[in-house]
Amino acid sequence: MKLKQMLVMLAALALAMPLAAQMGMGQRTPTLSGIWHPVVGSGAAYEVTNREGTKSQMEITIVGKEDVQGKPGFWLEVGLANPRSGGQMYFKSLMSVSDTGVTSTRTIMQMPGQDPMEMDMNMAPGGRMQQTTPANIADKAELVGTESITVPAGTFTCQHYRMKDGSSEAWISDKVGPWGLVKSQGMDSSMVLGKVITDATDHITGTPRKVDPMQMMRNRQGQQNQ
């Protein structure tokens, strides 16, 4: 895959992937955290709207389970529309829980018609490409109250949280996996639940080849400096 194609893919994944955001791609989006309760096969489909009013579709599902250093880990898969081909691109991260929160230890991505690639989170010094999110949004947000809200997926009784830094708000329900997110409103974009998924399967096929995310960052910075 050419570097340009790879960068296009990562720019789209910035809607949902902290790694891509860290690489300086994409706009700021609402928090994807909530209350972590993964169940294999469960998930949710969302409509994401940016500040220009452009809408896109995103699916977040749990497609597998695997031990991580003796503890259960879950494969979280995100599906996004490919802006060029109109097909779906996917990435999945192996998420494990520690005292500090939910951490992505492995990430694999695949574009339509391409072989999958694995982004090695440990290639950077100190493993700094790893991303950790609190397992419970209450660790970084204040509970506003309990509210009944209606979204395209239906009506849900939710806990309404507001981030302590004022950056976003989220409405959480235990009827939705894997984060419980029904609605999220940030400064630059919003998300609403379109469908609850109960029969999710893994869309990534083939053997992934490993790529170095730090080298990709250096290549991108070199292009920007030209």
Protein backbone atom coordinates (compact mmCIF):
# COMPACT_ATOMS: atom_id res chain seq x y z
CA MET A 1 0.00 0.00 0.00
CA LYS A 2 1.26 3.47 -0.87
CA LEU A 3 1.93 5.92 1.93
CA LYS A 4 -0.70 8.32 0.56
CA GLN A 5 -3.38 5.62 0.75
CA MET A 6 -2.31 4.77 4.26
CA LEU A 7 -2.60 8.40 5.37
CA VAL A 8 -6.07 8.73 3.86
CA MET A 9 -7.15 5.69 5.85
CA LEU A 10 -5.70 6.99 9.10
CA ALA A 11 -7.29 10.40 8.60
CA ALA A 12 -10.71 8.73 8.42
CA LEU A 13 -9.95 6.55 11.43
CA ALA A 14 -9.21 9.68 13.48
CA LEU A 15 -12.95 9.79 14.21
CA ALA A 16 -12.50 6.82 16.46
CA MET A 17 -8.84 5.98 16.93
CA PRO A 18 -6.67 7.82 19.48
CA LEU A 19 -3.52 6.84 17.57
CA ALA A 20 -4.63 8.70 14.46
CA ALA A 21 -5.61 11.72 16.53
CA GLN A 22 -2.19 11.65 18.18
CA MET A 23 -0.65 11.77 14.71
CA GLY A 24 -2.41 15.09 14.15
CA MET A 25 -5.12 13.83 11.79
CA GLY A 26 -8.80 14.61 11.85
CA GLN A 27 -10.93 16.94 13.95
CA ARG A 28 -11.57 16.77 17.63
CA THR A 29 -14.44 14.37 18.32
CA PRO A 30 -16.65 13.59 21.33
CA THR A 31 -15.38 11.08 23.83
CA LEU A 32 -15.92 7.43 22.93
CA SER A 33 -15.61 6.31 26.52
CA GLY A 34 -18.45 5.40 28.82
CA ILE A 35 -18.79 2.41 31.11
CA TRP A 36 -16.83 -0.53 29.69
CA HIS A 37 -18.89 -3.74 29.60
CA PRO A 38 -17.74 -5.80 26.59
CA VAL A 39 -19.73 -8.82 25.39
CA VAL A 40 -18.57 -10.70 22.29
CA GLY A 41 -21.08 -10.05 19.50
CA SER A 42 -22.44 -6.82 20.99
CA GLY A 43 -21.98 -3.30 19.71
CA ALA A 44 -23.58 -0.18 18.30
CA ALA A 45 -23.91 1.81 15.08
CA TYR A 46 -23.60 5.61 15.28
CA GLU A 47 -24.17 8.67 13.15
CA VAL A 48 -21.32 11.16 13.58
CA THR A 49 -21.80 14.83 12.67
CA ASN A 50 -18.90 17.30 12.48
CA ARG A 51 -19.15 21.04 13.01
CA GLU A 52 -19.64 21.63 9.27
CA GLY A 53 -22.71 19.40 9.40
CA THR A 54 -21.14 16.53 7.46
CA LYS A 55 -22.49 13.18 8.59
CA SER A 56 -20.76 9.79 8.59
CA GLN A 57 -21.56 6.32 9.88
CA MET A 58 -19.51 4.30 12.36
CA GLU A 59 -19.92 0.89 13.97
CA ILE A 60 -18.23 -0.14 17.23
CA THR A 61 -18.45 -3.84 18.11
CA ILE A 62 -16.79 -6.57 20.19
CA VAL A 63 -15.70 -9.34 17.82
CA GLY A 64 -13.46 -11.58 19.93
CA LYS A 65 -11.80 -12.38 23.23
CA GLU A 66 -8.13 -13.13 23.94
CA ASP A 67 -5.95 -13.31 27.05
CA VAL A 68 -3.55 -10.42 27.63
CA GLN A 69 -0.87 -11.28 30.19
CA GLY A 70 -3.19 -13.67 31.95
CA LYS A 71 -6.19 -11.32 31.95
CA PRO A 72 -9.17 -11.29 29.57
CA GLY A 73 -8.87 -8.90 26.64
CA PHE A 74 -11.49 -8.07 24.03
CA TRP A 75 -11.14 -7.23 20.35
CA LEU A 76 -13.01 -3.97 19.70
CA GLU A 77 -13.68 -3.40 15.99
CA VAL A 78 -14.58 -0.09 14.37
CA GLY A 79 -16.07 0.13 10.87
CA LEU A 80 -16.05 3.35 8.85
CA ALA A 81 -17.04 4.25 5.30
CA ASN A 82 -14.05 4.61 2.96
CA PRO A 83 -14.31 8.18 1.53
CA ARG A 84 -12.70 7.12 -1.76
CA SER A 85 -14.23 3.78 -2.67
CA GLY A 86 -17.47 3.99 -0.73
CA GLY A 87 -16.69 0.62 0.87
CA GLN A 88 -16.08 -0.08 4.53
CA MET A 89 -12.68 0.17 6.22
CA TYR A 90 -12.15 -1.58 9.53
CA PHE A 91 -9.73 -1.55 12.41
CA LYS A 92 -9.76 -3.53 15.61
CA SER A 93 -7.90 -3.11 18.87
CA LEU A 94 -7.22 -5.66 21.58
CA MET A 95 -8.42 -3.93 24.75
CA SER A 96 -7.39 -4.98 28.25
CA VAL A 97 -8.29 -3.57 31.65
CA SER A 98 -5.78 -2.56 34.33
CA ASP A 99 -5.85 -0.33 37.40
CA THR A 100 -5.39 2.71 35.13
CA GLY A 101 -8.20 1.90 32.70
CA VAL A 102 -8.80 0.22 29.33
CA THR A 103 -5.67 0.00 27.18
CA SER A 104 -5.27 -0.84 23.50
CA THR A 105 -2.37 -3.29 23.22
CA ARG A 106 -2.68 -4.27 19.55
CA THR A 107 -4.34 -2.59 16.56
CA ILE A 108 -5.06 -4.12 13.15
CA MET A 109 -6.61 -2.21 10.23
CA GLN A 110 -7.83 -3.11 6.75
CA MET A 111 -9.04 -1.12 3.74
CA PRO A 112 -11.31 -2.64 1.06
CA GLY A 113 -9.33 -4.89 -1.26
CA GLN A 114 -6.13 -4.53 0.81
CA ASP A 115 -4.29 -6.88 3.16
CA PRO A 116 -4.61 -6.05 6.87
CA MET A 117 -1.85 -4.17 8.69
CA GLU A 118 -0.96 -4.37 12.37
CA MET A 119 0.17 -1.18 14.11
CA ASP A 120 2.64 -2.23 16.79
CA MET A 121 1.78 -0.11 19.83
CA ASN A 122 5.10 -1.02 21.46
CA MET A 123 7.39 0.23 18.68
CA ALA A 124 7.59 3.73 20.13
CA PRO A 125 9.99 4.39 23.05
CA GLY A 126 8.29 3.46 26.29
CA GLY A 127 5.27 2.07 24.44
CA ARG A 128 3.84 5.60 24.32
CA MET A 129 1.61 4.79 21.34
CA GLN A 130 -0.57 2.77 23.70
CA GLN A 131 -3.75 4.59 24.67
CA THR A 132 -5.57 4.21 27.99
CA THR A 133 -9.15 5.28 28.65
CA PRO A 134 -10.87 5.11 32.06
CA ALA A 135 -13.11 2.05 32.27
CA ASN A 136 -15.78 4.26 33.85
CA ILE A 137 -16.50 7.75 32.51
CA ALA A 138 -17.25 8.85 36.08
CA ASP A 139 -13.47 8.92 36.66
CA LYS A 140 -13.20 12.03 34.45
CA ALA A 141 -16.74 13.38 34.33
CA GLU A 142 -19.48 14.62 36.63
CA LEU A 143 -22.92 13.01 36.77
CA VAL A 144 -25.55 15.58 35.77
CA GLY A 145 -28.51 13.29 36.37
CA THR A 146 -30.71 10.55 34.91
CA GLU A 147 -32.57 11.42 31.71
CA SER A 148 -34.75 9.68 29.12
CA ILE A 149 -33.54 10.54 25.60
CA THR A 150 -34.75 9.49 22.16
CA VAL A 151 -32.31 8.74 19.33
CA PRO A 152 -32.77 6.88 16.02
CA ALA A 153 -32.23 3.56 17.84
CA GLY A 154 -35.12 4.28 20.24
CA THR A 155 -35.69 5.75 23.70
CA PHE A 156 -33.21 5.01 26.49
CA THR A 157 -32.96 5.89 30.17
CA CYS A 158 -29.44 7.30 30.49
CA GLN A 159 -26.97 8.67 32.96
CA HIS A 160 -25.96 12.10 31.73
CA TYR A 161 -22.28 12.95 32.28
CA ARG A 162 -20.40 16.18 31.65
CA MET A 163 -16.61 16.07 31.27
CA LYS A 164 -14.81 17.91 34.05
CA ASP A 165 -12.88 19.97 31.51
CA GLY A 166 -16.11 21.00 29.80
CA SER A 167 -15.08 19.46 26.47
CA SER A 168 -18.09 17.19 25.96
CA GLU A 169 -21.17 15.51 27.39
CA ALA A 170 -22.26 11.88 27.15
CA TRP A 171 -25.45 9.94 27.76
CA ILE A 172 -24.82 6.35 28.93
CA SER A 173 -27.10 3.30 29.10
CA ASP A 174 -26.33 -0.25 30.20
CA LYS A 175 -28.50 -1.46 27.30
CA VAL A 176 -25.77 -0.53 24.80
CA GLY A 177 -22.36 -2.17 24.34
CA PRO A 178 -19.46 -1.97 24.63
CA TRP A 179 -19.26 1.54 26.15
CA GLY A 180 -22.94 2.22 26.83
CA LEU A 181 -22.81 5.34 24.68
CA VAL A 182 -26.21 6.54 23.44
CA LYS A 183 -25.32 10.14 22.63
CA SER A 184 -22.24 12.32 22.85
CA GLN A 185 -21.90 16.04 22.21
CA GLY A 186 -18.51 17.73 21.87
CA MET A 187 -17.33 21.17 20.84
CA ASP A 188 -16.71 20.14 17.22
CA SER A 189 -18.91 17.10 16.63
CA SER A 190 -21.60 14.82 17.98
CA MET A 191 -22.63 11.15 17.92
CA VAL A 192 -26.04 9.53 18.24
CA LEU A 193 -26.93 5.85 18.46
CA GLY A 194 -28.51 4.54 15.28
CA LYS A 195 -28.77 0.83 16.07
CA VAL A 196 -27.93 -1.65 18.82
CA ILE A 197 -25.94 -4.60 17.41
CA THR A 198 -26.23 -8.07 18.94
CA ASP A 199 -24.74 -10.32 16.22
CA ALA A 200 -21.40 -8.69 15.42
CA THR A 201 -18.71 -10.65 13.58
CA ASP A 202 -15.08 -9.93 12.67
CA HIS A 203 -14.75 -8.22 9.28
CA ILE A 204 -10.95 -8.27 9.04
CA THR A 205 -9.62 -11.17 6.99
CA GLY A 206 -6.14 -12.38 6.08
CA THR A 207 -2.82 -12.32 7.92
CA PRO A 208 -1.78 -8.80 8.95
CA ARG A 209 1.69 -7.45 8.25
CA LYS A 210 3.29 -5.28 10.92
CA VAL A 211 4.01 -1.62 10.26
CA ASP A 212 5.85 0.95 12.36
CA PRO A 213 3.49 3.84 13.34
CA MET A 214 6.44 6.02 14.38
CA GLN A 215 7.95 5.75 10.90
CA MET A 216 4.57 6.68 9.43
CA MET A 217 4.52 9.76 11.64
CA ARG A 218 8.02 10.74 10.51
CA ASN A 219 7.07 10.26 6.87
CA ARG A 220 3.98 12.42 7.29
CA GLN A 221 5.93 15.16 9.06
CA GLY A 222 8.51 15.08 6.28
CA GLN A 223 5.78 15.59 3.67
CA GLN A 224 4.35 18.54 5.62
CA ASN A 225 7.80 20.18 5.81
CA GLN A 226 8.35 19.99 2.05
